N, C-alpha and C. Protein backbone atom coordinates (compact mmCIF):
# COMPACT_ATOMS: atom_id res chain seq x y z
N MET A 1 19.69 160.45 146.22
CA MET A 1 20.74 160.10 145.28
C MET A 1 22.08 160.67 145.77
N MET A 2 23.10 159.83 145.68
CA MET A 2 24.43 160.27 146.13
C MET A 2 25.02 161.25 145.12
N ASP A 3 25.62 162.28 145.64
CA ASP A 3 26.23 163.23 144.72
C ASP A 3 27.61 162.73 144.27
N ILE A 4 28.13 163.39 143.27
CA ILE A 4 29.37 162.94 142.62
C ILE A 4 30.57 163.05 143.56
N LEU A 5 30.56 164.03 144.47
CA LEU A 5 31.68 164.20 145.40
C LEU A 5 31.80 162.99 146.33
N THR A 6 30.68 162.50 146.82
CA THR A 6 30.71 161.34 147.71
C THR A 6 31.18 160.10 146.96
N LEU A 7 30.75 159.93 145.73
CA LEU A 7 31.19 158.79 144.93
C LEU A 7 32.69 158.84 144.64
N MET A 8 33.20 160.03 144.30
CA MET A 8 34.64 160.16 144.04
C MET A 8 35.45 159.90 145.31
N ALA A 9 34.97 160.42 146.44
CA ALA A 9 35.67 160.21 147.70
C ALA A 9 35.69 158.73 148.07
N ALA A 10 34.55 158.07 147.92
CA ALA A 10 34.49 156.63 148.23
C ALA A 10 35.40 155.84 147.31
N PHE A 11 35.46 156.21 146.04
CA PHE A 11 36.33 155.52 145.09
C PHE A 11 37.80 155.67 145.49
N LEU A 12 38.21 156.90 145.82
CA LEU A 12 39.60 157.13 146.22
C LEU A 12 39.95 156.36 147.50
N ILE A 13 39.03 156.36 148.45
CA ILE A 13 39.29 155.66 149.71
C ILE A 13 39.39 154.16 149.47
N LEU A 14 38.47 153.60 148.70
CA LEU A 14 38.50 152.15 148.45
C LEU A 14 39.73 151.74 147.64
N VAL A 15 40.02 152.46 146.57
CA VAL A 15 41.17 152.10 145.73
C VAL A 15 42.47 152.23 146.53
N GLY A 16 42.63 153.33 147.24
CA GLY A 16 43.85 153.53 148.02
C GLY A 16 44.00 152.51 149.13
N GLY A 17 42.92 152.21 149.82
CA GLY A 17 42.98 151.25 150.93
C GLY A 17 43.24 149.83 150.48
N ILE A 18 42.51 149.39 149.46
CA ILE A 18 42.69 148.01 148.97
C ILE A 18 44.06 147.83 148.34
N ALA A 19 44.49 148.81 147.56
CA ALA A 19 45.81 148.70 146.94
C ALA A 19 46.93 148.73 147.98
N ALA A 20 46.75 149.51 149.05
CA ALA A 20 47.76 149.53 150.12
C ALA A 20 47.82 148.19 150.85
N LEU A 21 46.68 147.54 150.99
CA LEU A 21 46.67 146.21 151.61
C LEU A 21 47.38 145.18 150.75
N ILE A 22 47.22 145.28 149.45
CA ILE A 22 47.79 144.29 148.53
C ILE A 22 49.28 144.52 148.31
N SER A 23 49.71 145.77 148.32
CA SER A 23 51.10 146.12 148.02
C SER A 23 52.06 145.55 149.05
N LYS A 24 53.24 145.15 148.59
CA LYS A 24 54.27 144.58 149.47
C LYS A 24 55.30 145.63 149.91
N SER A 25 55.62 146.56 149.03
CA SER A 25 56.67 147.54 149.30
C SER A 25 56.17 148.64 150.25
N ALA A 26 57.01 149.04 151.18
CA ALA A 26 56.65 150.10 152.12
C ALA A 26 56.49 151.44 151.41
N PHE A 27 57.33 151.70 150.40
CA PHE A 27 57.21 152.94 149.64
C PHE A 27 55.88 152.98 148.88
N ASN A 28 55.51 151.87 148.25
CA ASN A 28 54.24 151.83 147.53
C ASN A 28 53.06 152.00 148.46
N LYS A 29 53.13 151.40 149.64
CA LYS A 29 52.05 151.56 150.61
C LYS A 29 51.89 153.03 151.00
N LEU A 30 52.99 153.72 151.18
CA LEU A 30 52.94 155.12 151.55
C LEU A 30 52.32 155.96 150.43
N ILE A 31 52.68 155.68 149.20
CA ILE A 31 52.10 156.39 148.06
C ILE A 31 50.61 156.12 147.96
N LEU A 32 50.21 154.87 148.16
CA LEU A 32 48.80 154.52 148.07
C LEU A 32 47.99 155.10 149.22
N LEU A 33 48.58 155.27 150.37
CA LEU A 33 47.88 155.97 151.45
C LEU A 33 47.73 157.45 151.10
N GLY A 34 48.65 157.97 150.30
CA GLY A 34 48.51 159.32 149.78
C GLY A 34 47.35 159.44 148.81
N VAL A 35 46.98 158.35 148.16
CA VAL A 35 45.80 158.33 147.29
C VAL A 35 44.53 158.30 148.14
N LEU A 36 44.60 157.63 149.27
CA LEU A 36 43.45 157.50 150.16
C LEU A 36 43.11 158.83 150.84
N THR A 37 44.10 159.61 151.16
CA THR A 37 43.91 160.84 151.94
C THR A 37 42.98 161.87 151.29
N PRO A 38 43.10 162.17 149.99
CA PRO A 38 42.17 163.15 149.42
C PRO A 38 40.71 162.72 149.51
N GLY A 39 40.46 161.42 149.43
CA GLY A 39 39.09 160.95 149.59
C GLY A 39 38.56 161.24 150.98
N ALA A 40 39.38 161.01 151.98
CA ALA A 40 38.97 161.30 153.36
C ALA A 40 38.77 162.80 153.56
N VAL A 41 39.66 163.60 152.99
CA VAL A 41 39.53 165.05 153.13
C VAL A 41 38.25 165.54 152.45
N MET A 42 37.92 164.97 151.29
CA MET A 42 36.67 165.36 150.61
C MET A 42 35.46 165.04 151.47
N LEU A 43 35.46 163.89 152.13
CA LEU A 43 34.33 163.55 153.01
C LEU A 43 34.27 164.48 154.22
N PHE A 44 35.43 164.84 154.77
CA PHE A 44 35.44 165.78 155.89
C PHE A 44 34.84 167.12 155.48
N VAL A 45 35.23 167.62 154.31
CA VAL A 45 34.72 168.91 153.83
C VAL A 45 33.23 168.82 153.55
N LYS A 46 32.79 167.73 152.94
CA LYS A 46 31.38 167.56 152.61
C LYS A 46 30.51 167.55 153.87
N ASP A 47 31.02 166.92 154.93
CA ASP A 47 30.26 166.83 156.17
C ASP A 47 30.43 168.06 157.06
N GLY A 48 31.28 168.99 156.68
CA GLY A 48 31.43 170.23 157.41
C GLY A 48 32.52 170.23 158.46
N PHE A 49 33.36 169.22 158.48
CA PHE A 49 34.46 169.16 159.44
C PHE A 49 35.69 169.83 158.83
N LEU A 50 35.61 171.14 158.67
CA LEU A 50 36.70 171.85 158.00
C LEU A 50 37.97 171.88 158.83
N ASP A 51 37.83 171.91 160.16
CA ASP A 51 39.03 171.91 161.00
C ASP A 51 39.79 170.60 160.86
N ALA A 52 39.07 169.49 160.80
CA ALA A 52 39.73 168.19 160.61
C ALA A 52 40.35 168.09 159.22
N ALA A 53 39.66 168.63 158.21
CA ALA A 53 40.19 168.61 156.85
C ALA A 53 41.48 169.42 156.75
N ILE A 54 41.51 170.57 157.41
CA ILE A 54 42.72 171.39 157.39
C ILE A 54 43.86 170.68 158.11
N ALA A 55 43.55 170.06 159.25
CA ALA A 55 44.59 169.35 160.01
C ALA A 55 45.17 168.20 159.20
N VAL A 56 44.31 167.41 158.56
CA VAL A 56 44.80 166.29 157.75
C VAL A 56 45.59 166.80 156.56
N SER A 57 45.11 167.86 155.93
CA SER A 57 45.80 168.41 154.77
C SER A 57 47.18 168.96 155.12
N LEU A 58 47.35 169.46 156.32
CA LEU A 58 48.65 169.98 156.73
C LEU A 58 49.57 168.90 157.27
N LEU A 59 49.02 167.94 157.99
CA LEU A 59 49.85 166.94 158.65
C LEU A 59 50.24 165.76 157.75
N MET A 60 49.42 165.41 156.78
CA MET A 60 49.71 164.25 155.94
C MET A 60 51.01 164.42 155.13
N PRO A 61 51.24 165.55 154.46
CA PRO A 61 52.51 165.68 153.73
C PRO A 61 53.73 165.67 154.65
N VAL A 62 53.61 166.27 155.83
CA VAL A 62 54.73 166.27 156.78
C VAL A 62 54.99 164.85 157.25
N GLY A 63 53.93 164.12 157.57
CA GLY A 63 54.09 162.73 157.99
C GLY A 63 54.67 161.86 156.89
N THR A 64 54.25 162.11 155.66
CA THR A 64 54.77 161.34 154.53
C THR A 64 56.27 161.57 154.36
N LEU A 65 56.69 162.83 154.43
CA LEU A 65 58.12 163.12 154.31
C LEU A 65 58.91 162.49 155.45
N PHE A 66 58.37 162.53 156.65
CA PHE A 66 59.05 161.94 157.80
C PHE A 66 59.21 160.43 157.63
N VAL A 67 58.15 159.76 157.20
CA VAL A 67 58.22 158.31 157.01
C VAL A 67 59.16 157.96 155.86
N LEU A 68 59.13 158.72 154.77
CA LEU A 68 60.07 158.49 153.67
C LEU A 68 61.52 158.64 154.14
N PHE A 69 61.77 159.64 154.95
CA PHE A 69 63.11 159.84 155.50
C PHE A 69 63.53 158.63 156.34
N LEU A 70 62.63 158.14 157.18
CA LEU A 70 62.95 156.98 158.01
C LEU A 70 63.16 155.72 157.18
N LEU A 71 62.35 155.52 156.14
CA LEU A 71 62.52 154.35 155.29
C LEU A 71 63.84 154.42 154.52
N GLY A 72 64.21 155.61 154.08
CA GLY A 72 65.49 155.77 153.40
C GLY A 72 66.66 155.49 154.32
N LYS A 73 66.58 155.95 155.55
CA LYS A 73 67.64 155.68 156.53
C LYS A 73 67.72 154.19 156.83
N LYS A 74 66.58 153.53 156.90
CA LYS A 74 66.55 152.10 157.18
C LYS A 74 67.26 151.33 156.07
N LYS A 75 67.02 151.70 154.82
CA LYS A 75 67.67 151.01 153.70
C LYS A 75 69.17 151.29 153.69
N GLU A 76 69.59 152.52 154.08
CA GLU A 76 71.02 152.83 154.13
C GLU A 76 71.71 151.98 155.19
N VAL A 77 71.08 151.78 156.32
CA VAL A 77 71.66 150.99 157.40
C VAL A 77 71.79 149.54 156.98
N ILE A 78 70.79 149.03 156.27
CA ILE A 78 70.82 147.64 155.82
C ILE A 78 71.94 147.42 154.82
N HIS A 79 72.16 148.38 153.90
CA HIS A 79 73.19 148.22 152.87
C HIS A 79 74.60 148.43 153.40
N ASP A 80 74.77 149.14 154.50
CA ASP A 80 76.12 149.40 155.03
C ASP A 80 76.68 148.25 155.80
């Protein structure tokens, strides 16, 4: 029987991935990928890949901020 952690992780991964595919806005896609990430981290921890979980947990917020900065700059250039 699957434990509750695996079910929650699978739910987060599926919802985040499918919603990111359907979404049109780049900002919304980035937010929805942020929903997908905790599910992946939960699976990494469950399977014992703690080093990968730590790396993803540290790099995902930095990457998100970097991409948000680039998207904001892109919109400023378009409006000018």
